[in-house]
Structure formats: C-alpha cells, structure tokens
Amino acid sequence: MARVLLSPKAQRQMSRLSKTIRARAYKVVERLQQWPEVSGAKPLSGRLAGRYRVRTGDYRLQFRVQGEDVVIERIGHRAGFYEE
C-alpha cells in the first residue's frame, strides 16, 4: 500500500474545489493508495515525463511516484491543466 501525499500547491487547489468535486478527488486519492494497481492512471510525456495523471470527470490529478510514496502535485480542471 502506497502512502499518498499532497504537495502544498495541491492542498491549496483541493481546498478551492467545490464540495462535490473535492469528494470525488478524495476518492481518487484513496484509489492511489493501491499504486501501481490503479486503473486509469496515464503516464505523461514531454516536459512532464516521469509523472502521471488520473482523471475524475473534467478534473485531473497530476502525480509522481517517489519510492513507496505517491506525491500529488496538481489538481485542476482539464482546461489548461497541462499548460503552465
């Protein structure tokens, strides 16, 4: 079982989500505890290589695997999610 951590940025983004979306995001966090047996996780490419994303509706959670830990780096709406 992996330990799931939220970066400070992801914590801020999570707190700004509506109650409904936040509940769905926490369900994804629970699923990520079963890493690497997580369905729907896709590896990212290009400048985001080494990171993954999992979606819930129109929202995305970007994370990286660091040893036994899964570190969620960003949470946001799909529109402009990969641009920064």
C-alpha atoms as a PDB file:
ATOM      1  CA  MET A   1       0.000   0.000   0.000  1.00  0.00           C
ATOM      2  CA  ALA A   2       1.442   3.340  -1.060  1.00  0.00           C
ATOM      3  CA  ARG A   3       1.391   6.461   1.061  1.00  0.00           C
ATOM      4  CA  VAL A   4      -0.325   9.347  -0.760  1.00  0.00           C
ATOM      5  CA  LEU A   5       0.951  12.865  -0.071  1.00  0.00           C
ATOM      6  CA  LEU A   6      -0.385  16.193  -1.332  1.00  0.00           C
ATOM      7  CA  SER A   7       2.086  18.944  -2.165  1.00  0.00           C
ATOM      8  CA  PRO A   8       1.323  22.364  -0.630  1.00  0.00           C
ATOM      9  CA  LYS A   9       0.137  23.531  -4.065  1.00  0.00           C
ATOM     10  CA  ALA A  10      -2.183  20.525  -4.408  1.00  0.00           C
ATOM     11  CA  GLN A  11      -3.553  21.152  -0.896  1.00  0.00           C
ATOM     12  CA  ARG A  12      -4.448  24.732  -1.856  1.00  0.00           C
ATOM     13  CA  GLN A  13      -6.025  23.580  -5.101  1.00  0.00           C
ATOM     14  CA  MET A  14      -8.007  20.867  -3.290  1.00  0.00           C
ATOM     15  CA  SER A  15      -9.362  23.377  -0.759  1.00  0.00           C
ATOM     16  CA  ARG A  16     -10.651  25.595  -3.588  1.00  0.00           C
ATOM     17  CA  LEU A  17     -12.682  22.835  -5.240  1.00  0.00           C
ATOM     18  CA  SER A  18     -16.423  22.630  -4.771  1.00  0.00           C
ATOM     19  CA  LYS A  19     -17.621  20.161  -2.154  1.00  0.00           C
ATOM     20  CA  THR A  20     -18.798  17.681  -4.815  1.00  0.00           C
ATOM     21  CA  ILE A  21     -15.572  17.740  -6.833  1.00  0.00           C
ATOM     22  CA  ARG A  22     -13.465  17.591  -3.662  1.00  0.00           C
ATOM     23  CA  ALA A  23     -15.282  14.404  -2.586  1.00  0.00           C
ATOM     24  CA  ARG A  24     -14.561  12.836  -5.987  1.00  0.00           C
ATOM     25  CA  ALA A  25     -10.907  13.889  -5.770  1.00  0.00           C
ATOM     26  CA  TYR A  26     -10.566  12.267  -2.333  1.00  0.00           C
ATOM     27  CA  LYS A  27     -11.933   9.021  -3.796  1.00  0.00           C
ATOM     28  CA  VAL A  28      -9.116   9.172  -6.361  1.00  0.00           C
ATOM     29  CA  VAL A  29      -6.630   9.753  -3.543  1.00  0.00           C
ATOM     30  CA  GLU A  30      -7.938   6.604  -1.847  1.00  0.00           C
ATOM     31  CA  ARG A  31      -7.534   4.663  -5.107  1.00  0.00           C
ATOM     32  CA  LEU A  32      -3.939   5.872  -5.427  1.00  0.00           C
ATOM     33  CA  GLN A  33      -3.098   4.089  -2.172  1.00  0.00           C
ATOM     34  CA  GLN A  34      -3.259   0.880  -4.227  1.00  0.00           C
ATOM     35  CA  TRP A  35      -0.440   2.016  -6.567  1.00  0.00           C
ATOM     36  CA  PRO A  36       0.556   0.501  -9.032  1.00  0.00           C
ATOM     37  CA  GLU A  37      -2.779  -1.365  -9.380  1.00  0.00           C
ATOM     38  CA  VAL A  38      -4.644   1.858 -10.201  1.00  0.00           C
ATOM     39  CA  SER A  39      -6.880   1.870 -13.239  1.00  0.00           C
ATOM     40  CA  GLY A  40      -6.993   4.975 -15.390  1.00  0.00           C
ATOM     41  CA  ALA A  41      -3.550   6.351 -14.493  1.00  0.00           C
ATOM     42  CA  LYS A  42      -1.708   7.508 -17.610  1.00  0.00           C
ATOM     43  CA  PRO A  43       1.978   8.406 -17.890  1.00  0.00           C
ATOM     44  CA  LEU A  44       2.661  11.915 -19.156  1.00  0.00           C
ATOM     45  CA  SER A  45       5.252  12.775 -21.784  1.00  0.00           C
ATOM     46  CA  GLY A  46       7.435  15.668 -22.852  1.00  0.00           C
ATOM     47  CA  ARG A  47       8.377  18.075 -20.085  1.00  0.00           C
ATOM     48  CA  LEU A  48       6.066  16.152 -17.733  1.00  0.00           C
ATOM     49  CA  ALA A  49       7.761  12.790 -18.333  1.00  0.00           C
ATOM     50  CA  GLY A  50       8.012  10.740 -15.160  1.00  0.00           C
ATOM     51  CA  ARG A  51       4.658  11.995 -13.935  1.00  0.00           C
ATOM     52  CA  TYR A  52       1.187  10.524 -14.249  1.00  0.00           C
ATOM     53  CA  ARG A  53      -2.338  11.793 -14.358  1.00  0.00           C
ATOM     54  CA  VAL A  54      -5.633  10.332 -13.332  1.00  0.00           C
ATOM     55  CA  ARG A  55      -8.944  11.936 -14.117  1.00  0.00           C
ATOM     56  CA  THR A  56     -12.297  12.249 -12.441  1.00  0.00           C
ATOM     57  CA  GLY A  57     -14.821  13.841 -14.756  1.00  0.00           C
ATOM     58  CA  ASP A  58     -13.391  17.101 -16.085  1.00  0.00           C
ATOM     59  CA  TYR A  59     -10.748  17.291 -13.333  1.00  0.00           C
ATOM     60  CA  ARG A  60      -7.214  15.916 -13.332  1.00  0.00           C
ATOM     61  CA  LEU A  61      -4.773  14.947 -10.606  1.00  0.00           C
ATOM     62  CA  GLN A  62      -1.105  15.002 -11.601  1.00  0.00           C
ATOM     63  CA  PHE A  63       1.263  12.939  -9.507  1.00  0.00           C
ATOM     64  CA  ARG A  64       4.690  11.352  -9.381  1.00  0.00           C
ATOM     65  CA  VAL A  65       5.889   8.192  -7.698  1.00  0.00           C
ATOM     66  CA  GLN A  66       8.771   8.647  -5.288  1.00  0.00           C
ATOM     67  CA  GLY A  67       9.822   5.319  -3.803  1.00  0.00           C
ATOM     68  CA  GLU A  68       6.814   4.000  -1.866  1.00  0.00           C
ATOM     69  CA  ASP A  69       5.097   7.414  -1.916  1.00  0.00           C
ATOM     70  CA  VAL A  70       2.660   8.849  -4.436  1.00  0.00           C
ATOM     71  CA  VAL A  71       3.005  12.655  -4.408  1.00  0.00           C
ATOM     72  CA  ILE A  72       0.064  14.581  -5.875  1.00  0.00           C
ATOM     73  CA  GLU A  73       1.472  17.778  -7.377  1.00  0.00           C
ATOM     74  CA  ARG A  74      -1.524  19.439  -9.039  1.00  0.00           C
ATOM     75  CA  ILE A  75      -5.309  19.228  -9.097  1.00  0.00           C
ATOM     76  CA  GLY A  76      -7.406  21.163 -11.564  1.00  0.00           C
ATOM     77  CA  HIS A  77      -9.894  21.413 -14.386  1.00  0.00           C
ATOM     78  CA  ARG A  78      -8.833  19.890 -17.686  1.00  0.00           C
ATOM     79  CA  ALA A  79      -8.974  23.266 -19.467  1.00  0.00           C
ATOM     80  CA  GLY A  80      -5.379  24.474 -19.415  1.00  0.00           C
ATOM     81  CA  PHE A  81      -4.298  21.817 -16.923  1.00  0.00           C
ATOM     82  CA  TYR A  82      -1.133  20.871 -18.800  1.00  0.00           C
ATOM     83  CA  GLU A  83      -0.114  24.461 -19.557  1.00  0.00           C
ATOM     84  CA  GLU A  84       1.910  26.365 -17.019  1.00  0.00           C
END
